[in-house]
PDB file of N, CA and C in Angstrom:
ATOM      1  N   MET A   1      10.530   9.709  11.441  1.00  0.00           N
ATOM      2  CA  MET A   1      11.007   8.491  10.998  1.00  0.00           C
ATOM      3  C   MET A   1      12.110   8.240  10.436  1.00  0.00           C
ATOM      4  N   GLU A   2      12.485   7.020  10.998  1.00  0.00           N
ATOM      5  CA  GLU A   2      14.120   6.272  10.581  1.00  0.00           C
ATOM      6  C   GLU A   2      14.165   6.193   9.053  1.00  0.00           C
ATOM      7  N   THR A   3      15.043   6.912   8.539  1.00  0.00           N
ATOM      8  CA  THR A   3      15.296   6.735   6.896  1.00  0.00           C
ATOM      9  C   THR A   3      16.404   5.753   6.810  1.00  0.00           C
ATOM     10  N   MET A   4      16.597   5.378   5.833  1.00  0.00           N
ATOM     11  CA  MET A   4      17.626   4.228   5.435  1.00  0.00           C
ATOM     12  C   MET A   4      18.045   4.503   3.728  1.00  0.00           C
ATOM     13  N   ASN A   5      18.917   5.119   3.339  1.00  0.00           N
ATOM     14  CA  ASN A   5      19.317   4.809   1.788  1.00  0.00           C
ATOM     15  C   ASN A   5      17.908   5.233   0.896  1.00  0.00           C
ATOM     16  N   GLY A   6      16.958   6.400   1.393  1.00  0.00           N
ATOM     17  CA  GLY A   6      15.815   6.474   0.719  1.00  0.00           C
ATOM     18  C   GLY A   6      14.786   5.966   1.335  1.00  0.00           C
ATOM     19  N   TYR A   7      14.490   5.129   1.734  1.00  0.00           N
ATOM     20  CA  TYR A   7      13.996   3.674   2.657  1.00  0.00           C
ATOM     21  C   TYR A   7      13.423   4.981   4.121  1.00  0.00           C
ATOM     22  N   THR A   8      12.073   4.664   4.264  1.00  0.00           N
ATOM     23  CA  THR A   8      11.615   5.121   6.085  1.00  0.00           C
ATOM     24  C   THR A   8      11.071   4.160   6.321  1.00  0.00           C
ATOM     25  N   LYS A   9      11.401   3.664   7.503  1.00  0.00           N
ATOM     26  CA  LYS A   9      10.784   2.760   8.223  1.00  0.00           C
ATOM     27  C   LYS A   9       9.362   3.073   9.280  1.00  0.00           C
ATOM     28  N   ILE A  10       8.579   1.696   8.369  1.00  0.00           N
ATOM     29  CA  ILE A  10       6.831   2.107   8.882  1.00  0.00           C
ATOM     30  C   ILE A  10       6.364   1.474  10.219  1.00  0.00           C
ATOM     31  N   CYS A  11       6.921   0.079   9.941  1.00  0.00           N
ATOM     32  CA  CYS A  11       6.627  -0.574  11.634  1.00  0.00           C
ATOM     33  C   CYS A  11       7.378  -1.999  11.370  1.00  0.00           C
ATOM     34  N   ARG A  12       7.181  -2.770  11.960  1.00  0.00           N
ATOM     35  CA  ARG A  12       7.747  -4.155  12.288  1.00  0.00           C
ATOM     36  C   ARG A  12       6.763  -4.936  11.606  1.00  0.00           C
ATOM     37  N   TYR A  13       7.323  -6.104  11.003  1.00  0.00           N
ATOM     38  CA  TYR A  13       6.861  -7.135  10.263  1.00  0.00           C
ATOM     39  C   TYR A  13       5.557  -7.667  11.067  1.00  0.00           C
ATOM     40  N   ASP A  14       5.913  -8.117  12.496  1.00  0.00           N
ATOM     41  CA  ASP A  14       5.316  -8.575  13.120  1.00  0.00           C
ATOM     42  C   ASP A  14       3.821  -8.000  13.575  1.00  0.00           C
ATOM     43  N   GLU A  15       3.732  -6.809  13.417  1.00  0.00           N
ATOM     44  CA  GLU A  15       2.656  -5.906  13.227  1.00  0.00           C
ATOM     45  C   GLU A  15       1.383  -6.001  12.868  1.00  0.00           C
ATOM     46  N   LEU A  16       1.956  -6.755  11.371  1.00  0.00           N
ATOM     47  CA  LEU A  16       1.121  -6.741  10.272  1.00  0.00           C
ATOM     48  C   LEU A  16       0.380  -7.913  10.614  1.00  0.00           C
ATOM     49  N   LYS A  17      -1.008  -7.845  10.371  1.00  0.00           N
ATOM     50  CA  LYS A  17      -1.625  -9.645  10.308  1.00  0.00           C
ATOM     51  C   LYS A  17      -2.195  -9.600   8.877  1.00  0.00           C
ATOM     52  N   GLU A  18      -2.438 -10.786   8.535  1.00  0.00           N
ATOM     53  CA  GLU A  18      -2.424 -11.572   7.389  1.00  0.00           C
ATOM     54  C   GLU A  18      -3.843 -10.934   6.954  1.00  0.00           C
ATOM     55  N   LYS A  19      -3.773 -10.296   5.641  1.00  0.00           N
ATOM     56  CA  LYS A  19      -4.546  -9.776   4.451  1.00  0.00           C
ATOM     57  C   LYS A  19      -5.118  -8.410   5.520  1.00  0.00           C
ATOM     58  N   ILE A  20      -5.180  -7.826   6.487  1.00  0.00           N
ATOM     59  CA  ILE A  20      -5.546  -7.010   7.034  1.00  0.00           C
ATOM     60  C   ILE A  20      -4.749  -5.291   6.969  1.00  0.00           C
ATOM     61  N   GLY A  21      -5.559  -4.558   5.972  1.00  0.00           N
ATOM     62  CA  GLY A  21      -4.391  -3.499   5.774  1.00  0.00           C
ATOM     63  C   GLY A  21      -4.481  -2.484   6.750  1.00  0.00           C
ATOM     64  N   ARG A  22      -2.995  -1.622   7.000  1.00  0.00           N
ATOM     65  CA  ARG A  22      -3.463  -0.718   7.737  1.00  0.00           C
ATOM     66  C   ARG A  22      -2.845   0.682   7.019  1.00  0.00           C
ATOM     67  N   ARG A  23      -2.974   1.719   7.593  1.00  0.00           N
ATOM     68  CA  ARG A  23      -2.745   3.190   7.126  1.00  0.00           C
ATOM     69  C   ARG A  23      -1.385   3.941   7.805  1.00  0.00           C
ATOM     70  N   PHE A  24      -0.685   4.442   6.884  1.00  0.00           N
ATOM     71  CA  PHE A  24       0.750   4.871   7.368  1.00  0.00           C
ATOM     72  C   PHE A  24       0.948   6.001   6.610  1.00  0.00           C
ATOM     73  N   PHE A  25       1.713   7.423   7.257  1.00  0.00           N
ATOM     74  CA  PHE A  25       2.084   8.463   6.370  1.00  0.00           C
ATOM     75  C   PHE A  25       3.318   8.633   6.513  1.00  0.00           C
ATOM     76  N   VAL A  26       4.144   8.940   5.360  1.00  0.00           N
ATOM     77  CA  VAL A  26       5.297   9.696   5.408  1.00  0.00           C
ATOM     78  C   VAL A  26       4.943  10.887   4.760  1.00  0.00           C
ATOM     79  N   ASP A  27       5.547  11.605   5.504  1.00  0.00           N
ATOM     80  CA  ASP A  27       5.477  13.086   5.137  1.00  0.00           C
ATOM     81  C   ASP A  27       4.075  13.165   4.839  1.00  0.00           C
ATOM     82  N   ASP A  28       3.703  13.626   3.313  1.00  0.00           N
ATOM     83  CA  ASP A  28       2.632  13.982   3.019  1.00  0.00           C
ATOM     84  C   ASP A  28       1.489  12.627   2.212  1.00  0.00           C
ATOM     85  N   VAL A  29       2.628  11.780   2.361  1.00  0.00           N
ATOM     86  CA  VAL A  29       2.216  10.649   1.203  1.00  0.00           C
ATOM     87  C   VAL A  29       1.152   9.437   2.140  1.00  0.00           C
ATOM     88  N   GLU A  30       0.040   9.049   1.864  1.00  0.00           N
ATOM     89  CA  GLU A  30      -0.620   7.980   2.659  1.00  0.00           C
ATOM     90  C   GLU A  30      -0.894   6.886   2.107  1.00  0.00           C
ATOM     91  N   ILE A  31      -0.192   5.915   2.803  1.00  0.00           N
ATOM     92  CA  ILE A  31       0.388   4.526   2.162  1.00  0.00           C
ATOM     93  C   ILE A  31      -0.768   3.869   2.761  1.00  0.00           C
ATOM     94  N   ALA A  32      -1.376   2.565   2.569  1.00  0.00           N
ATOM     95  CA  ALA A  32      -1.809   1.504   2.959  1.00  0.00           C
ATOM     96  C   ALA A  32      -0.685   0.132   2.318  1.00  0.00           C
ATOM     97  N   LEU A  33      -0.780  -0.489   3.634  1.00  0.00           N
ATOM     98  CA  LEU A  33       0.205  -1.449   3.722  1.00  0.00           C
ATOM     99  C   LEU A  33      -0.309  -2.782   4.357  1.00  0.00           C
ATOM    100  N   PHE A  34      -0.221  -3.975   3.234  1.00  0.00           N
ATOM    101  CA  PHE A  34      -0.699  -5.336   3.385  1.00  0.00           C
ATOM    102  C   PHE A  34       0.325  -6.444   3.829  1.00  0.00           C
ATOM    103  N   LYS A  35      -0.219  -7.340   4.121  1.00  0.00           N
ATOM    104  CA  LYS A  35       0.975  -8.506   4.479  1.00  0.00           C
ATOM    105  C   LYS A  35      -0.093  -9.336   3.773  1.00  0.00           C
ATOM    106  N   VAL A  36       0.157 -10.288   2.863  1.00  0.00           N
ATOM    107  CA  VAL A  36      -0.313 -11.473   1.991  1.00  0.00           C
ATOM    108  C   VAL A  36       0.559 -12.489   1.697  1.00  0.00           C
ATOM    109  N   GLU A  37       0.400 -13.758   2.488  1.00  0.00           N
ATOM    110  CA  GLU A  37       0.866 -14.729   2.406  1.00  0.00           C
ATOM    111  C   GLU A  37       2.377 -14.549   2.419  1.00  0.00           C
ATOM    112  N   ASP A  38       2.943 -14.072   3.853  1.00  0.00           N
ATOM    113  CA  ASP A  38       4.119 -13.303   4.072  1.00  0.00           C
ATOM    114  C   ASP A  38       5.175 -12.173   3.419  1.00  0.00           C
ATOM    115  N   LYS A  39       4.156 -11.722   2.134  1.00  0.00           N
ATOM    116  CA  LYS A  39       4.794 -10.911   1.786  1.00  0.00           C
ATOM    117  C   LYS A  39       3.907  -9.438   1.773  1.00  0.00           C
ATOM    118  N   ILE A  40       4.729  -8.376   1.460  1.00  0.00           N
ATOM    119  CA  ILE A  40       4.309  -6.712   2.220  1.00  0.00           C
ATOM    120  C   ILE A  40       4.077  -6.060   1.009  1.00  0.00           C
ATOM    121  N   TYR A  41       3.472  -5.570   1.026  1.00  0.00           N
ATOM    122  CA  TYR A  41       2.565  -4.441  -0.214  1.00  0.00           C
ATOM    123  C   TYR A  41       2.320  -3.580   0.245  1.00  0.00           C
ATOM    124  N   ALA A  42       2.741  -2.596  -0.324  1.00  0.00           N
ATOM    125  CA  ALA A  42       2.749  -1.099  -0.288  1.00  0.00           C
ATOM    126  C   ALA A  42       2.237   0.150  -1.482  1.00  0.00           C
ATOM    127  N   LEU A  43       0.562   0.540  -0.975  1.00  0.00           N
ATOM    128  CA  LEU A  43      -0.146   1.181  -2.278  1.00  0.00           C
ATOM    129  C   LEU A  43      -0.572   2.315  -1.689  1.00  0.00           C
ATOM    130  N   SER A  44      -0.708   3.205  -2.510  1.00  0.00           N
ATOM    131  CA  SER A  44      -1.445   4.622  -2.171  1.00  0.00           C
ATOM    132  C   SER A  44      -2.851   4.307  -1.328  1.00  0.00           C
ATOM    133  N   ASN A  45      -3.156   5.090  -0.416  1.00  0.00           N
ATOM    134  CA  ASN A  45      -4.194   4.792   0.388  1.00  0.00           C
ATOM    135  C   ASN A  45      -5.570   5.355  -0.274  1.00  0.00           C
ATOM    136  N   ILE A  46      -5.603   6.396  -1.115  1.00  0.00           N
ATOM    137  CA  ILE A  46      -6.331   7.271  -1.707  1.00  0.00           C
ATOM    138  C   ILE A  46      -6.959   6.341  -3.053  1.00  0.00           C
ATOM    139  N   CYS A  47      -7.634   5.815  -3.333  1.00  0.00           N
ATOM    140  CA  CYS A  47      -8.456   5.608  -4.628  1.00  0.00           C
ATOM    141  C   CYS A  47      -8.941   6.309  -5.147  1.00  0.00           C
ATOM    142  N   PRO A  48      -8.589   6.585  -6.508  1.00  0.00           N
ATOM    143  CA  PRO A  48      -8.798   7.614  -7.595  1.00  0.00           C
ATOM    144  C   PRO A  48     -10.336   7.723  -8.219  1.00  0.00           C
ATOM    145  N   HIS A  49     -11.147   7.012  -7.693  1.00  0.00           N
ATOM    146  CA  HIS A  49     -12.482   7.001  -8.093  1.00  0.00           C
ATOM    147  C   HIS A  49     -13.063   8.426  -7.390  1.00  0.00           C
ATOM    148  N   GLN A  50     -13.082   8.410  -6.199  1.00  0.00           N
ATOM    149  CA  GLN A  50     -13.573   9.753  -5.542  1.00  0.00           C
ATOM    150  C   GLN A  50     -12.692  10.144  -4.133  1.00  0.00           C
ATOM    151  N   LYS A  51     -11.667   9.794  -4.459  1.00  0.00           N
ATOM    152  CA  LYS A  51     -10.386  10.376  -3.802  1.00  0.00           C
ATOM    153  C   LYS A  51     -10.399   9.776  -1.944  1.00  0.00           C
ATOM    154  N   THR A  52     -11.244   8.325  -2.280  1.00  0.00           N
ATOM    155  CA  THR A  52     -11.469   8.250  -0.663  1.00  0.00           C
ATOM    156  C   THR A  52      -9.966   7.448  -0.289  1.00  0.00           C
ATOM    157  N   HIS A  53     -10.402   7.929   1.306  1.00  0.00           N
ATOM    158  CA  HIS A  53      -8.976   7.156   2.002  1.00  0.00           C
ATOM    159  C   HIS A  53      -8.955   5.730   2.822  1.00  0.00           C
ATOM    160  N   LEU A  54      -9.421   5.292   2.158  1.00  0.00           N
ATOM    161  CA  LEU A  54     -10.071   4.181   2.970  1.00  0.00           C
ATOM    162  C   LEU A  54      -9.601   2.681   1.812  1.00  0.00           C
ATOM    163  N   ILE A  55      -8.237   2.614   1.559  1.00  0.00           N
ATOM    164  CA  ILE A  55      -7.503   1.317   0.533  1.00  0.00           C
ATOM    165  C   ILE A  55      -7.405   0.433   1.707  1.00  0.00           C
ATOM    166  N   HIS A  56      -7.045   0.889   2.933  1.00  0.00           N
ATOM    167  CA  HIS A  56      -6.299   0.348   3.661  1.00  0.00           C
ATOM    168  C   HIS A  56      -7.496  -0.911   4.818  1.00  0.00           C
ATOM    169  N   GLU A  57      -8.646  -0.390   4.277  1.00  0.00           N
ATOM    170  CA  GLU A  57     -10.161  -0.980   4.654  1.00  0.00           C
ATOM    171  C   GLU A  57     -10.293  -1.869   3.676  1.00  0.00           C
ATOM    172  N   GLY A  58      -9.768  -2.269   2.311  1.00  0.00           N
ATOM    173  CA  GLY A  58     -10.700  -2.911   1.113  1.00  0.00           C
ATOM    174  C   GLY A  58     -10.462  -3.935   1.489  1.00  0.00           C
ATOM    175  N   PHE A  59     -11.061  -5.327   1.289  1.00  0.00           N
ATOM    176  CA  PHE A  59     -10.786  -6.771   1.103  1.00  0.00           C
ATOM    177  C   PHE A  59     -10.189  -7.121   0.409  1.00  0.00           C
ATOM    178  N   ILE A  60      -9.351  -8.378   1.111  1.00  0.00           N
ATOM    179  CA  ILE A  60      -8.073  -8.931  -0.052  1.00  0.00           C
ATOM    180  C   ILE A  60      -8.714 -10.245  -0.762  1.00  0.00           C
ATOM    181  N   GLU A  61      -8.379 -10.357  -1.918  1.00  0.00           N
ATOM    182  CA  GLU A  61      -8.604 -11.703  -2.200  1.00  0.00           C
ATOM    183  C   GLU A  61      -8.014 -11.776  -4.064  1.00  0.00           C
ATOM    184  N   GLU A  62      -7.347 -12.891  -4.085  1.00  0.00           N
ATOM    185  CA  GLU A  62      -6.603 -13.789  -5.264  1.00  0.00           C
ATOM    186  C   GLU A  62      -5.821 -12.204  -5.822  1.00  0.00           C
ATOM    187  N   GLY A  63      -4.469 -11.664  -4.916  1.00  0.00           N
ATOM    188  CA  GLY A  63      -3.839 -10.895  -5.337  1.00  0.00           C
ATOM    189  C   GLY A  63      -4.618  -9.392  -5.494  1.00  0.00           C
ATOM    190  N   LYS A  64      -5.392  -8.982  -5.377  1.00  0.00           N
ATOM    191  CA  LYS A  64      -5.922  -8.070  -5.200  1.00  0.00           C
ATOM    192  C   LYS A  64      -6.725  -7.269  -4.118  1.00  0.00           C
ATOM    193  N   VAL A  65      -7.022  -6.181  -4.120  1.00  0.00           N
ATOM    194  CA  VAL A  65      -7.661  -5.224  -3.001  1.00  0.00           C
ATOM    195  C   VAL A  65      -8.553  -4.563  -3.581  1.00  0.00           C
ATOM    196  N   THR A  66      -9.837  -4.492  -2.912  1.00  0.00           N
ATOM    197  CA  THR A  66     -10.858  -3.881  -3.037  1.00  0.00           C
ATOM    198  C   THR A  66     -11.465  -2.965  -2.341  1.00  0.00           C
ATOM    199  N   CYS A  67     -11.499  -1.466  -3.350  1.00  0.00           N
ATOM    200  CA  CYS A  67     -11.974  -0.442  -2.187  1.00  0.00           C
ATOM    201  C   CYS A  67     -13.247  -0.296  -1.519  1.00  0.00           C
ATOM    202  N   PRO A  68     -13.284  -0.370  -0.549  1.00  0.00           N
ATOM    203  CA  PRO A  68     -14.547  -0.496   0.579  1.00  0.00           C
ATOM    204  C   PRO A  68     -15.693  -0.023   0.252  1.00  0.00           C
ATOM    205  N   VAL A  69     -15.267   1.256  -0.834  1.00  0.00           N
ATOM    206  CA  VAL A  69     -16.328   1.982  -0.985  1.00  0.00           C
ATOM    207  C   VAL A  69     -17.496   2.208  -1.912  1.00  0.00           C
ATOM    208  N   HIS A  70     -16.589   1.649  -2.982  1.00  0.00           N
ATOM    209  CA  HIS A  70     -17.119   1.392  -4.498  1.00  0.00           C
ATOM    210  C   HIS A  70     -16.910  -0.093  -5.239  1.00  0.00           C
ATOM    211  N   GLY A  71     -15.898  -0.739  -4.643  1.00  0.00           N
ATOM    212  CA  GLY A  71     -15.674  -1.582  -5.347  1.00  0.00           C
ATOM    213  C   GLY A  71     -14.480  -2.079  -6.609  1.00  0.00           C
ATOM    214  N   TRP A  72     -14.129  -0.699  -6.654  1.00  0.00           N
ATOM    215  CA  TRP A  72     -12.755  -0.758  -7.288  1.00  0.00           C
ATOM    216  C   TRP A  72     -11.663  -1.550  -7.050  1.00  0.00           C
ATOM    217  N   GLN A  73     -11.016  -2.713  -7.964  1.00  0.00           N
ATOM    218  CA  GLN A  73      -9.817  -3.702  -7.214  1.00  0.00           C
ATOM    219  C   GLN A  73      -8.941  -3.009  -8.093  1.00  0.00           C
ATOM    220  N   PHE A  74      -7.695  -3.630  -7.126  1.00  0.00           N
ATOM    221  CA  PHE A  74      -6.567  -3.054  -7.947  1.00  0.00           C
ATOM    222  C   PHE A  74      -5.503  -4.299  -7.283  1.00  0.00           C
ATOM    223  N   GLU A  75      -4.216  -4.560  -8.652  1.00  0.00           N
ATOM    224  CA  GLU A  75      -3.424  -5.158  -8.193  1.00  0.00           C
ATOM    225  C   GLU A  75      -2.723  -4.789  -6.901  1.00  0.00           C
ATOM    226  N   LEU A  76      -2.422  -5.862  -6.041  1.00  0.00           N
ATOM    227  CA  LEU A  76      -1.587  -5.621  -4.965  1.00  0.00           C
ATOM    228  C   LEU A  76       0.131  -5.237  -5.283  1.00  0.00           C
ATOM    229  N   GLN A  77       0.667  -5.992  -6.464  1.00  0.00           N
ATOM    230  CA  GLN A  77       1.946  -6.133  -6.666  1.00  0.00           C
ATOM    231  C   GLN A  77       2.145  -4.468  -7.690  1.00  0.00           C
ATOM    232  N   SER A  78       1.061  -4.390  -8.344  1.00  0.00           N
ATOM    233  CA  SER A  78       1.516  -2.816  -9.608  1.00  0.00           C
ATOM    234  C   SER A  78       0.399  -1.954  -8.591  1.00  0.00           C
ATOM    235  N   GLY A  79      -0.326  -1.575  -8.005  1.00  0.00           N
ATOM    236  CA  GLY A  79      -1.208  -0.926  -7.903  1.00  0.00           C
ATOM    237  C   GLY A  79      -2.596  -0.840  -9.144  1.00  0.00           C
ATOM    238  N   ARG A  80      -2.070  -1.528  -9.986  1.00  0.00           N
ATOM    239  CA  ARG A  80      -3.011  -1.109 -11.160  1.00  0.00           C
ATOM    240  C   ARG A  80      -4.625  -1.434 -11.096  1.00  0.00           C
ATOM    241  N   LEU A  81      -5.088  -1.082 -11.603  1.00  0.00           N
ATOM    242  CA  LEU A  81      -6.591  -1.054 -11.424  1.00  0.00           C
ATOM    243  C   LEU A  81      -6.752  -2.691 -12.059  1.00  0.00           C
ATOM    244  N   ALA A  82      -7.528  -3.778 -11.500  1.00  0.00           N
ATOM    245  CA  ALA A  82      -7.559  -5.082 -12.543  1.00  0.00           C
ATOM    246  C   ALA A  82      -8.294  -4.955 -13.852  1.00  0.00           C
ATOM    247  N   GLN A  83      -9.119  -4.004 -14.076  1.00  0.00           N
ATOM    248  CA  GLN A  83      -9.239  -3.779 -15.508  1.00  0.00           C
ATOM    249  C   GLN A  83      -8.785  -2.595 -16.639  1.00  0.00           C
ATOM    250  N   ASP A  84      -7.883  -1.759 -16.092  1.00  0.00           N
ATOM    251  CA  ASP A  84      -7.197  -0.935 -16.469  1.00  0.00           C
ATOM    252  C   ASP A  84      -5.571  -0.452 -16.429  1.00  0.00           C
ATOM    253  N   ARG A  85      -4.937   0.025 -16.927  1.00  0.00           N
ATOM    254  CA  ARG A  85      -3.538  -0.023 -16.897  1.00  0.00           C
ATOM    255  C   ARG A  85      -3.495   1.269 -15.408  1.00  0.00           C
ATOM    256  N   LYS A  86      -4.153   2.084 -15.334  1.00  0.00           N
ATOM    257  CA  LYS A  86      -3.924   2.963 -14.449  1.00  0.00           C
ATOM    258  C   LYS A  86      -4.332   2.926 -13.018  1.00  0.00           C
ATOM    259  N   GLY A  87      -4.308   2.954 -11.820  1.00  0.00           N
ATOM    260  CA  GLY A  87      -4.909   2.445 -10.611  1.00  0.00           C
ATOM    261  C   GLY A  87      -4.172   3.541  -9.317  1.00  0.00           C
ATOM    262  N   LEU A  88      -3.881   2.850  -8.569  1.00  0.00           N
ATOM    263  CA  LEU A  88      -2.993   3.378  -7.108  1.00  0.00           C
ATOM    264  C   LEU A  88      -1.425   3.513  -7.558  1.00  0.00           C
ATOM    265  N   ASP A  89      -0.829   4.380  -6.825  1.00  0.00           N
ATOM    266  CA  ASP A  89       0.698   4.240  -6.742  1.00  0.00           C
ATOM    267  C   ASP A  89       1.325   3.177  -6.021  1.00  0.00           C
ATOM    268  N   SER A  90       2.231   2.815  -6.288  1.00  0.00           N
ATOM    269  CA  SER A  90       2.868   1.528  -5.517  1.00  0.00           C
ATOM    270  C   SER A  90       4.230   1.627  -4.938  1.00  0.00           C
ATOM    271  N   PHE A  91       4.759   1.274  -4.419  1.00  0.00           N
ATOM    272  CA  PHE A  91       6.172   1.651  -3.496  1.00  0.00           C
ATOM    273  C   PHE A  91       6.990   0.538  -3.025  1.00  0.00           C
ATOM    274  N   GLU A  92       8.061   0.645  -3.416  1.00  0.00           N
ATOM    275  CA  GLU A  92       9.221  -0.514  -2.833  1.00  0.00           C
ATOM    276  C   GLU A  92       9.305  -0.544  -1.640  1.00  0.00           C
ATOM    277  N   VAL A  93       9.336  -1.952  -1.180  1.00  0.00           N
ATOM    278  CA  VAL A  93       8.820  -2.410   0.359  1.00  0.00           C
ATOM    279  C   VAL A  93      10.343  -3.211   0.724  1.00  0.00           C
ATOM    280  N   LYS A  94      11.045  -2.833   1.368  1.00  0.00           N
ATOM    281  CA  LYS A  94      12.532  -3.820   2.170  1.00  0.00           C
ATOM    282  C   LYS A  94      11.929  -4.156   3.575  1.00  0.00           C
ATOM    283  N   ILE A  95      12.316  -5.481   3.981  1.00  0.00           N
ATOM    284  CA  ILE A  95      12.526  -5.913   5.233  1.00  0.00           C
ATOM    285  C   ILE A  95      13.961  -6.283   5.786  1.00  0.00           C
ATOM    286  N   ILE A  96      14.033  -5.449   6.704  1.00  0.00           N
ATOM    287  CA  ILE A  96      15.669  -5.837   7.536  1.00  0.00           C
ATOM    288  C   ILE A  96      15.393  -5.963   9.241  1.00  0.00           C
ATOM    289  N   ASP A  97      15.758  -6.855   9.391  1.00  0.00           N
ATOM    290  CA  ASP A  97      15.644  -7.353  10.969  1.00  0.00           C
ATOM    291  C   ASP A  97      14.317  -7.226  11.263  1.00  0.00           C
ATOM    292  N   ASN A  98      13.223  -7.666  10.866  1.00  0.00           N
ATOM    293  CA  ASN A  98      11.884  -7.766  11.316  1.00  0.00           C
ATOM    294  C   ASN A  98      11.364  -6.207  11.319  1.00  0.00           C
ATOM    295  N   ASP A  99      12.236  -5.022  10.394  1.00  0.00           N
ATOM    296  CA  ASP A  99      11.259  -3.902  10.570  1.00  0.00           C
ATOM    297  C   ASP A  99      10.877  -3.719   8.882  1.00  0.00           C
ATOM    298  N   ILE A 100      10.077  -2.916   8.548  1.00  0.00           N
ATOM    299  CA  ILE A 100       9.399  -2.912   7.044  1.00  0.00           C
ATOM    300  C   ILE A 100       9.392  -1.196   6.680  1.00  0.00           C
ATOM    301  N   TYR A 101      10.748  -1.090   5.505  1.00  0.00           N
ATOM    302  CA  TYR A 101      10.901   0.069   5.612  1.00  0.00           C
ATOM    303  C   TYR A 101      10.310   0.182   3.894  1.00  0.00           C
ATOM    304  N   VAL A 102       9.964   1.756   3.372  1.00  0.00           N
ATOM    305  CA  VAL A 102       8.945   1.767   2.023  1.00  0.00           C
ATOM    306  C   VAL A 102       9.870   3.098   1.793  1.00  0.00           C
ATOM    307  N   LYS A 103      10.121   2.872   0.443  1.00  0.00           N
ATOM    308  CA  LYS A 103      10.727   3.900  -0.220  1.00  0.00           C
ATOM    309  C   LYS A 103       9.383   4.899  -1.129  1.00  0.00           C
ATOM    310  N   VAL A 104       9.709   5.915  -0.499  1.00  0.00           N
ATOM    311  CA  VAL A 104       8.534   7.005  -1.249  1.00  0.00           C
ATOM    312  C   VAL A 104       9.287   8.095  -1.706  1.00  0.00           C
ATOM    313  N   THR A 105       9.567   7.945  -3.115  1.00  0.00           N
ATOM    314  CA  THR A 105      10.258   9.024  -4.215  1.00  0.00           C
ATOM    315  C   THR A 105       9.310  10.573  -3.767  1.00  0.00           C
ATOM    316  N   GLU A 106       8.175  10.521  -4.453  1.00  0.00           N
ATOM    317  CA  GLU A 106       7.056  11.376  -4.846  1.00  0.00           C
ATOM    318  C   GLU A 106       6.056  11.138  -4.922  1.00  0.00           C
ATOM    319  N   LYS A 107       5.256  11.814  -4.618  1.00  0.00           N
ATOM    320  CA  LYS A 107       3.186  11.766  -4.618  1.00  0.00           C
ATOM    321  C   LYS A 107       3.449  12.063  -6.174  1.00  0.00           C
ATOM    322  N   LYS A 108       2.709  10.885  -6.878  1.00  0.00           N
ATOM    323  CA  LYS A 108       2.763  10.911  -8.357  1.00  0.00           C
ATOM    324  C   LYS A 108       1.395  10.868  -8.435  1.00  0.00           C
ATOM    325  N   LEU A 109       0.295  10.254  -7.699  1.00  0.00           N
ATOM    326  CA  LEU A 109      -1.058   9.942  -8.136  1.00  0.00           C
ATOM    327  C   LEU A 109      -0.988   9.430  -9.501  1.00  0.00           C
ATOM    328  N   ASN A 110      -1.530   8.196  -9.646  1.00  0.00           N
ATOM    329  CA  ASN A 110      -1.454   7.654 -10.755  1.00  0.00           C
ATOM    330  C   ASN A 110      -2.588   7.333 -11.936  1.00  0.00           C
ATOM    331  N   TRP A 111      -3.463   8.624 -11.564  1.00  0.00           N
ATOM    332  CA  TRP A 111      -4.697   8.438 -12.047  1.00  0.00           C
ATOM    333  C   TRP A 111      -4.983  10.020 -12.826  1.00  0.00           C
TER     334      TRP A 111
END
């Protein structure tokens, strides 16, 4: 994968569909990528509830993604559980020339 200043190229902006998540891997880190109102969000793809790898298939509404397995809701901006401070790891995103780059520093699993 192409890297630049700690950011890894994930995909092209025009490959993402509005409110449809996609799963990507950067080394051993599994990322759920979402495009919502032309903004890109990158979160851990592993739900802390039962460690399911399905956040990318979640339902998007009002700035949150809902885990499709048990309905836990996470803020797209921060990855936090809507009801709590903990939640999913979130990752910095840059868009350069239609390419999406994500900065994955380390796997810290925020639960």
